[in-house]
Amino acid sequence: MKEHLIISPAVKAALMAGEPVVALESTIISHGMPYPQNVETALKVEETVREAGAVPATIALIGGQLKAGLTAAEIEYLGKKGAAVTKASRRDLPVLVARGADGACTVATTMIIAHLAGIRVFATGGIGGVHRGAETTMDISADLEELGRTPVLVVCAGAKAILDLGLTLEYLETKGVPVIGYGTEELPAFYTRTSGFKVDYRLDTPEEIAAAFRAQQEMGLGGGMLVTNPIPEAYSMDPARINAAIDQAVADARRLGIHGKETTPYLLARVKDLTGGDSLSANIQLVLNNARLAAHIAKSLVK
């Protein structure tokens, strides 16, 4: 697959010099937010990584090429195309590459391309997981499978609160993925700091997290590691309010027959509307918070 991979000069130079690099996804640009907030947020996330002492590598497919490190013009291009860009998971890569098409990378595909490029740390908003009602729909995100097979450390604010968080944790346990709480014993729920579910281990410093990931890789255990980082308290939403909005959005999606990879973009957009835009503001802040932590972990890994 490496013959299809293009690493930007800045990212390639950082990797060759042994400097810290943080991968960033592109579905947040095309499917996560409206234009121009999506572009503004993507550039701000990159700047946050730089300010924390690491090199950002936003990842996407452009013209059928797997790109690790986008230019500002490429980020603008994806932001303007928005949902017209294919939301690309593992299954989509062969056809998109063969067609020379564009693709916005999910958590799963960002992990794949980051690993091909030699990037070990990835910051996102929230991972996908087991959807509510999956016992009948079998709607389970490919993100969980990728965490079980690809050796990349993923920093997130927990699984998206629109999911079944308990079943998501059970699935990760089955796949042997360590779920780490950064300064917390409880799984964050994306918009809120708590969920009522316990993580596997609490670690309190980037150095401890880096040491655990290094040990995992040295032992050849395979797979990745999930680091859950609670949204900053100032931006955490009221659980009753956000859960009511999520319940309504899920009910609306079922009524409209929305399923598959269209589910998450619909639910996030619907929750944004139901909360008067407050969920979008929270989303932006938690992504910046995750980017900052990922940069510190990446710095610890290269020491």
Foldseek 3Di string as FASTA:
>chain_A
DCVLEDEDPVRLVCVVVLFFEAEEFFLCQQQVDAPPVSLVLVVVLQVLLVVLGGHYFYWWQAQLGTYTRDDSVVSVVNNVCHPVAAADAPVCNVVCNVRRGIYTYALRVSLVNCVSSVHAEYEYEAHFAAAPPCVPVVAGDCNLVSQLAGAHEYEYQYHALLGDRVVRQVSNVVSVAAEEEAQDQARGHRLAQHDPHGGPYYDHALLVVLVVSVVCVVVVVGGYYYYHYHQPPVLRDDVVQLVVQSVVQVVVCVVVVDDDPVNVSSSSVSSCVSVVNSSVVSSSRRSSVRSSSRSRNSNSNSD
